[in-house]
C-alpha cells in the first residue's frame, strides 16, 4: 500500500480530451517513489477518478519532474497495485484513491480547479 506524505495540484491539463488535474504526491515511505496522479471528474465515484499514475525515479536534486526526456517516468496505473492477502489490486487502488481524495483539502482544491473550467 502507498502512504501519502503530501499531495498538491500541480496544474490542470487534459486526458483523452477531458479536463484533468495533475496531482503531485510525495510518499510517506522512504522506499516509495514520488507520483504524478491524473484525476478527472466522475459522477459514478466520489466525484473524481484516477485515470493515470506515473512514478518518477529521477533524483529531484539533479533532475526536474517535468523533464520527460528520459526513462524516469513509468506508468503504474495498474501495475503499481499488487494486492495482498487481504486486498485485491483493485481494492488497493480504490483505497489509495479514497485516501488521496480525503488528504488535507485536496478535494476542495479539485472542486475549485474544475469549477473554474466550467
N, C-alpha and C. Protein backbone atom coordinates (compact mmCIF):
# COMPACT_ATOMS: atom_id res chain seq x y z
N UNK A 1 0.83 -1.18 0.00
CA UNK A 1 0.00 0.00 0.00
C UNK A 1 0.88 1.25 0.00
N UNK A 2 0.47 2.28 -0.66
CA UNK A 2 1.21 3.53 -0.79
C UNK A 2 0.73 4.53 0.26
N UNK A 3 1.65 5.05 1.05
CA UNK A 3 1.30 6.02 2.09
C UNK A 3 1.61 7.43 1.60
N UNK A 4 0.69 8.35 1.84
CA UNK A 4 0.77 9.70 1.32
C UNK A 4 1.34 10.65 2.39
N UNK A 5 2.43 11.32 2.04
CA UNK A 5 3.01 12.33 2.92
C UNK A 5 2.48 13.72 2.56
N UNK A 6 2.34 13.98 1.27
CA UNK A 6 1.84 15.28 0.80
C UNK A 6 1.25 15.10 -0.59
N UNK A 7 0.26 15.94 -0.90
CA UNK A 7 -0.37 15.91 -2.22
C UNK A 7 -0.83 17.32 -2.57
N UNK A 8 -0.45 17.75 -3.78
CA UNK A 8 -0.81 19.09 -4.24
C UNK A 8 -1.12 19.07 -5.73
N UNK A 9 -2.09 19.88 -6.12
CA UNK A 9 -2.38 20.03 -7.54
C UNK A 9 -1.24 20.82 -8.17
N UNK A 10 -0.64 20.25 -9.19
CA UNK A 10 0.46 20.91 -9.89
C UNK A 10 -0.05 21.79 -11.02
N UNK A 11 -1.03 21.28 -11.76
CA UNK A 11 -1.59 22.04 -12.88
C UNK A 11 -2.83 21.34 -13.39
N UNK A 12 -3.58 22.06 -14.21
CA UNK A 12 -4.71 21.47 -14.92
C UNK A 12 -4.23 21.16 -16.33
N UNK A 13 -4.64 20.02 -16.84
CA UNK A 13 -4.26 19.59 -18.18
C UNK A 13 -5.45 18.86 -18.78
N UNK A 14 -5.22 18.05 -19.80
CA UNK A 14 -6.29 17.24 -20.41
C UNK A 14 -5.85 15.79 -20.47
N UNK A 15 -6.82 14.90 -20.38
CA UNK A 15 -6.58 13.47 -20.53
C UNK A 15 -7.69 12.94 -21.42
N UNK A 16 -7.35 12.44 -22.58
CA UNK A 16 -8.33 11.97 -23.57
C UNK A 16 -9.37 13.04 -23.86
N UNK A 17 -8.94 14.31 -23.92
CA UNK A 17 -9.83 15.41 -24.26
C UNK A 17 -10.65 15.96 -23.11
N UNK A 18 -10.52 15.37 -21.92
CA UNK A 18 -11.29 15.83 -20.75
C UNK A 18 -10.39 16.62 -19.82
N UNK A 19 -10.93 17.64 -19.13
CA UNK A 19 -10.13 18.36 -18.14
C UNK A 19 -9.61 17.40 -17.07
N UNK A 20 -8.37 17.61 -16.67
CA UNK A 20 -7.71 16.68 -15.76
C UNK A 20 -6.78 17.45 -14.83
N UNK A 21 -6.77 17.07 -13.57
CA UNK A 21 -5.85 17.67 -12.60
C UNK A 21 -4.64 16.77 -12.45
N UNK A 22 -3.45 17.36 -12.56
CA UNK A 22 -2.21 16.64 -12.32
C UNK A 22 -1.82 16.90 -10.87
N UNK A 23 -1.80 15.85 -10.07
CA UNK A 23 -1.53 15.98 -8.64
C UNK A 23 -0.19 15.34 -8.32
N UNK A 24 0.69 16.11 -7.70
CA UNK A 24 1.97 15.58 -7.25
C UNK A 24 1.79 14.97 -5.87
N UNK A 25 2.21 13.71 -5.72
CA UNK A 25 2.05 13.01 -4.45
C UNK A 25 3.43 12.57 -3.96
N UNK A 26 3.76 13.03 -2.75
CA UNK A 26 5.02 12.61 -2.12
C UNK A 26 4.76 11.42 -1.21
N UNK A 27 5.65 10.42 -1.23
CA UNK A 27 5.43 9.21 -0.46
C UNK A 27 5.71 9.38 1.03
N UNK A 28 5.00 8.61 1.82
CA UNK A 28 5.24 8.56 3.25
C UNK A 28 6.32 7.57 3.61
N UNK A 29 6.58 6.63 2.73
CA UNK A 29 7.62 5.61 2.96
C UNK A 29 8.87 5.98 2.16
N UNK A 30 10.02 5.84 2.75
CA UNK A 30 11.29 6.22 2.13
C UNK A 30 11.53 5.46 0.83
N UNK A 31 11.12 4.22 0.76
CA UNK A 31 11.40 3.40 -0.42
C UNK A 31 10.46 3.64 -1.59
N UNK A 32 9.38 4.41 -1.39
CA UNK A 32 8.42 4.67 -2.47
C UNK A 32 8.85 5.86 -3.31
N UNK A 33 8.41 5.86 -4.57
CA UNK A 33 8.71 6.95 -5.50
C UNK A 33 7.65 8.03 -5.40
N UNK A 34 8.03 9.25 -5.81
CA UNK A 34 7.04 10.32 -5.96
C UNK A 34 6.12 9.94 -7.12
N UNK A 35 4.89 10.42 -7.06
CA UNK A 35 3.90 10.10 -8.09
C UNK A 35 3.34 11.35 -8.73
N UNK A 36 2.93 11.22 -9.97
CA UNK A 36 2.05 12.17 -10.63
C UNK A 36 0.75 11.42 -10.85
N UNK A 37 -0.32 11.93 -10.27
CA UNK A 37 -1.62 11.26 -10.35
C UNK A 37 -2.55 12.16 -11.16
N UNK A 38 -3.19 11.60 -12.16
CA UNK A 38 -4.09 12.35 -13.04
C UNK A 38 -5.53 12.01 -12.67
N UNK A 39 -6.29 13.07 -12.33
CA UNK A 39 -7.65 12.90 -11.81
C UNK A 39 -8.63 13.66 -12.69
N UNK A 40 -9.72 12.99 -13.07
CA UNK A 40 -10.80 13.62 -13.83
C UNK A 40 -12.08 13.61 -12.99
N UNK A 41 -13.02 14.46 -13.38
CA UNK A 41 -14.33 14.44 -12.72
C UNK A 41 -15.06 13.18 -13.14
N UNK A 42 -15.80 12.58 -12.21
CA UNK A 42 -16.55 11.36 -12.48
C UNK A 42 -17.74 11.31 -11.54
N UNK A 43 -18.91 11.26 -12.08
CA UNK A 43 -20.12 11.26 -11.26
C UNK A 43 -20.41 9.90 -10.63
N UNK A 44 -19.78 8.83 -11.14
CA UNK A 44 -20.04 7.49 -10.60
C UNK A 44 -19.33 7.24 -9.28
N UNK A 45 -18.18 7.85 -9.10
CA UNK A 45 -17.39 7.60 -7.88
C UNK A 45 -17.67 8.69 -6.86
N UNK A 46 -16.65 9.18 -6.21
CA UNK A 46 -16.77 10.23 -5.21
C UNK A 46 -16.65 11.60 -5.86
N UNK A 47 -17.03 11.69 -7.13
CA UNK A 47 -16.92 12.94 -7.87
C UNK A 47 -15.66 13.01 -8.71
N UNK A 48 -14.69 12.13 -8.43
CA UNK A 48 -13.42 12.14 -9.14
C UNK A 48 -12.91 10.72 -9.32
N UNK A 49 -12.08 10.56 -10.35
CA UNK A 49 -11.50 9.24 -10.60
C UNK A 49 -10.06 9.40 -11.06
N UNK A 50 -9.20 8.54 -10.55
CA UNK A 50 -7.81 8.49 -11.01
C UNK A 50 -7.79 7.76 -12.35
N UNK A 51 -7.20 8.41 -13.37
CA UNK A 51 -7.14 7.78 -14.68
C UNK A 51 -5.73 7.37 -15.08
N UNK A 52 -4.73 7.95 -14.37
CA UNK A 52 -3.35 7.60 -14.71
C UNK A 52 -2.45 7.91 -13.52
N UNK A 53 -1.45 7.06 -13.32
CA UNK A 53 -0.47 7.28 -12.26
C UNK A 53 0.92 7.02 -12.84
N UNK A 54 1.81 8.00 -12.66
CA UNK A 54 3.19 7.87 -13.11
C UNK A 54 4.12 7.95 -11.91
N UNK A 55 5.18 7.15 -11.91
CA UNK A 55 6.22 7.31 -10.91
C UNK A 55 7.34 8.12 -11.53
N UNK A 56 8.15 8.72 -10.68
CA UNK A 56 9.33 9.43 -11.14
C UNK A 56 10.48 9.01 -10.26
N UNK A 57 11.39 8.25 -10.82
CA UNK A 57 12.54 7.76 -10.06
C UNK A 57 13.76 8.65 -10.22
N UNK A 58 13.60 9.79 -10.89
CA UNK A 58 14.73 10.71 -11.03
C UNK A 58 15.00 11.40 -9.70
N UNK A 59 16.22 11.77 -9.48
CA UNK A 59 16.60 12.49 -8.28
C UNK A 59 16.20 13.95 -8.46
N UNK A 60 15.29 14.44 -7.62
CA UNK A 60 14.79 15.80 -7.78
C UNK A 60 15.85 16.85 -7.48
N UNK A 61 16.94 16.48 -6.86
CA UNK A 61 18.03 17.44 -6.62
C UNK A 61 18.79 17.72 -7.91
N UNK A 62 18.82 16.76 -8.83
CA UNK A 62 19.56 16.95 -10.07
C UNK A 62 18.69 16.91 -11.30
N UNK A 63 17.43 16.56 -11.16
CA UNK A 63 16.53 16.44 -12.30
C UNK A 63 15.17 17.00 -11.90
N UNK A 64 14.45 17.53 -12.84
CA UNK A 64 13.13 18.10 -12.55
C UNK A 64 12.04 17.14 -12.98
N UNK A 65 10.91 17.17 -12.27
CA UNK A 65 9.78 16.29 -12.57
C UNK A 65 9.31 16.49 -14.01
N UNK A 66 9.39 17.71 -14.52
CA UNK A 66 8.85 17.99 -15.84
C UNK A 66 9.77 17.55 -16.98
N UNK A 67 10.93 17.04 -16.66
CA UNK A 67 11.85 16.56 -17.69
C UNK A 67 11.46 15.13 -18.05
N UNK A 68 10.72 14.97 -19.12
CA UNK A 68 10.28 13.64 -19.53
C UNK A 68 11.09 13.10 -20.70
N UNK A 69 12.30 13.58 -20.87
CA UNK A 69 13.13 13.15 -21.98
C UNK A 69 14.00 11.94 -21.64
N UNK A 70 13.65 11.25 -20.59
CA UNK A 70 14.40 10.07 -20.17
C UNK A 70 13.40 9.04 -19.65
N UNK A 71 13.90 7.96 -19.10
CA UNK A 71 13.03 6.87 -18.67
C UNK A 71 12.67 6.91 -17.19
N UNK A 72 12.77 8.05 -16.56
CA UNK A 72 12.45 8.14 -15.14
C UNK A 72 10.96 7.96 -14.88
N UNK A 73 10.12 8.32 -15.84
CA UNK A 73 8.68 8.18 -15.69
C UNK A 73 8.25 6.77 -16.06
N UNK A 74 7.41 6.17 -15.22
CA UNK A 74 6.85 4.86 -15.53
C UNK A 74 5.36 4.90 -15.23
N UNK A 75 4.55 4.39 -16.15
CA UNK A 75 3.11 4.33 -15.92
C UNK A 75 2.82 3.12 -15.03
N UNK A 76 2.29 3.39 -13.82
CA UNK A 76 1.98 2.34 -12.87
C UNK A 76 0.50 2.36 -12.48
N UNK A 77 -0.32 2.86 -13.40
CA UNK A 77 -1.74 3.00 -13.13
C UNK A 77 -2.33 1.69 -12.62
N UNK A 78 -1.95 0.60 -13.23
CA UNK A 78 -2.49 -0.70 -12.80
C UNK A 78 -1.42 -1.58 -12.17
N UNK A 79 -0.19 -1.50 -12.65
CA UNK A 79 0.86 -2.38 -12.12
C UNK A 79 1.35 -1.95 -10.75
N UNK A 80 1.05 -0.73 -10.33
CA UNK A 80 1.52 -0.24 -9.04
C UNK A 80 0.78 -0.81 -7.85
N UNK A 81 -0.29 -1.51 -8.10
CA UNK A 81 -1.10 -2.09 -7.02
C UNK A 81 -1.09 -3.61 -7.19
N UNK A 82 -0.35 -4.27 -6.33
CA UNK A 82 -0.14 -5.72 -6.47
C UNK A 82 -1.09 -6.54 -5.61
N UNK A 83 -1.76 -5.90 -4.66
CA UNK A 83 -2.65 -6.64 -3.77
C UNK A 83 -1.89 -7.28 -2.62
N UNK A 84 -2.64 -7.91 -1.76
CA UNK A 84 -2.05 -8.59 -0.60
C UNK A 84 -2.97 -9.76 -0.24
N UNK A 85 -2.70 -10.36 0.89
CA UNK A 85 -3.54 -11.49 1.31
C UNK A 85 -4.95 -11.03 1.70
N UNK A 86 -5.10 -9.75 2.02
CA UNK A 86 -6.43 -9.26 2.43
C UNK A 86 -7.08 -8.31 1.43
N UNK A 87 -6.32 -7.86 0.41
CA UNK A 87 -6.87 -6.92 -0.57
C UNK A 87 -6.47 -7.32 -1.98
N UNK A 88 -7.41 -7.18 -2.90
CA UNK A 88 -7.10 -7.39 -4.31
C UNK A 88 -6.41 -6.12 -4.83
N UNK A 89 -5.73 -6.20 -5.99
CA UNK A 89 -5.14 -4.98 -6.55
C UNK A 89 -6.19 -3.88 -6.78
N UNK A 90 -7.38 -4.25 -7.21
CA UNK A 90 -8.45 -3.27 -7.44
C UNK A 90 -8.87 -2.60 -6.13
N UNK A 91 -8.97 -3.39 -5.06
CA UNK A 91 -9.31 -2.83 -3.75
C UNK A 91 -8.22 -1.88 -3.26
N UNK A 92 -6.97 -2.27 -3.48
CA UNK A 92 -5.84 -1.44 -3.07
C UNK A 92 -5.84 -0.11 -3.82
N UNK A 93 -6.11 -0.16 -5.12
CA UNK A 93 -6.17 1.05 -5.94
C UNK A 93 -7.32 1.95 -5.48
N UNK A 94 -8.46 1.35 -5.21
CA UNK A 94 -9.63 2.10 -4.73
C UNK A 94 -9.34 2.75 -3.38
N UNK A 95 -8.67 2.04 -2.50
CA UNK A 95 -8.31 2.58 -1.18
C UNK A 95 -7.35 3.75 -1.33
N UNK A 96 -6.38 3.64 -2.24
CA UNK A 96 -5.46 4.74 -2.49
C UNK A 96 -6.22 5.97 -2.98
N UNK A 97 -7.16 5.76 -3.90
CA UNK A 97 -7.94 6.88 -4.42
C UNK A 97 -8.74 7.55 -3.29
N UNK A 98 -9.37 6.76 -2.45
CA UNK A 98 -10.15 7.31 -1.33
C UNK A 98 -9.26 8.10 -0.39
N UNK A 99 -8.09 7.54 -0.05
CA UNK A 99 -7.17 8.22 0.87
C UNK A 99 -6.61 9.50 0.26
N UNK A 100 -6.36 9.49 -1.04
CA UNK A 100 -5.86 10.69 -1.71
C UNK A 100 -6.92 11.79 -1.69
N UNK A 101 -8.16 11.44 -1.96
CA UNK A 101 -9.23 12.45 -2.02
C UNK A 101 -9.55 13.05 -0.66
N UNK A 102 -9.26 12.34 0.42
CA UNK A 102 -9.53 12.91 1.75
C UNK A 102 -8.27 13.52 2.37
N UNK A 103 -7.15 13.49 1.64
CA UNK A 103 -5.90 14.03 2.16
C UNK A 103 -5.98 15.56 2.20
N UNK A 104 -5.77 16.13 3.36
CA UNK A 104 -5.79 17.59 3.50
C UNK A 104 -7.06 18.18 2.92
N UNK A 105 -6.91 19.22 2.12
CA UNK A 105 -8.07 19.83 1.47
C UNK A 105 -8.02 19.61 -0.04
N UNK A 106 -7.43 18.48 -0.46
CA UNK A 106 -7.27 18.20 -1.88
C UNK A 106 -8.61 18.19 -2.61
N UNK A 107 -9.63 17.59 -2.02
CA UNK A 107 -10.93 17.51 -2.70
C UNK A 107 -11.50 18.91 -2.92
N UNK A 108 -11.36 19.80 -1.95
CA UNK A 108 -11.83 21.18 -2.11
C UNK A 108 -11.04 21.89 -3.21
N UNK A 109 -9.74 21.64 -3.26
CA UNK A 109 -8.92 22.24 -4.32
C UNK A 109 -9.34 21.72 -5.69
N UNK A 110 -9.62 20.42 -5.78
CA UNK A 110 -10.09 19.85 -7.05
C UNK A 110 -11.39 20.51 -7.47
N UNK A 111 -12.33 20.65 -6.53
CA UNK A 111 -13.62 21.29 -6.84
C UNK A 111 -13.39 22.70 -7.37
N UNK A 112 -12.52 23.46 -6.73
CA UNK A 112 -12.25 24.83 -7.16
C UNK A 112 -11.62 24.87 -8.55
N UNK A 113 -10.65 24.01 -8.80
CA UNK A 113 -9.98 24.00 -10.10
C UNK A 113 -10.93 23.57 -11.23
N UNK A 114 -11.72 22.54 -10.99
CA UNK A 114 -12.66 22.09 -12.02
C UNK A 114 -13.79 23.10 -12.21
N UNK A 115 -14.19 23.79 -11.14
CA UNK A 115 -15.26 24.78 -11.23
C UNK A 115 -14.82 25.97 -12.10
N UNK A 116 -13.53 26.36 -12.01
CA UNK A 116 -13.00 27.45 -12.83
C UNK A 116 -13.14 27.15 -14.31
N UNK A 117 -13.11 25.86 -14.67
CA UNK A 117 -13.17 25.46 -16.08
C UNK A 117 -14.60 25.46 -16.64
N UNK A 118 -15.58 25.45 -15.73
CA UNK A 118 -16.98 25.37 -16.19
C UNK A 118 -17.49 26.69 -16.70
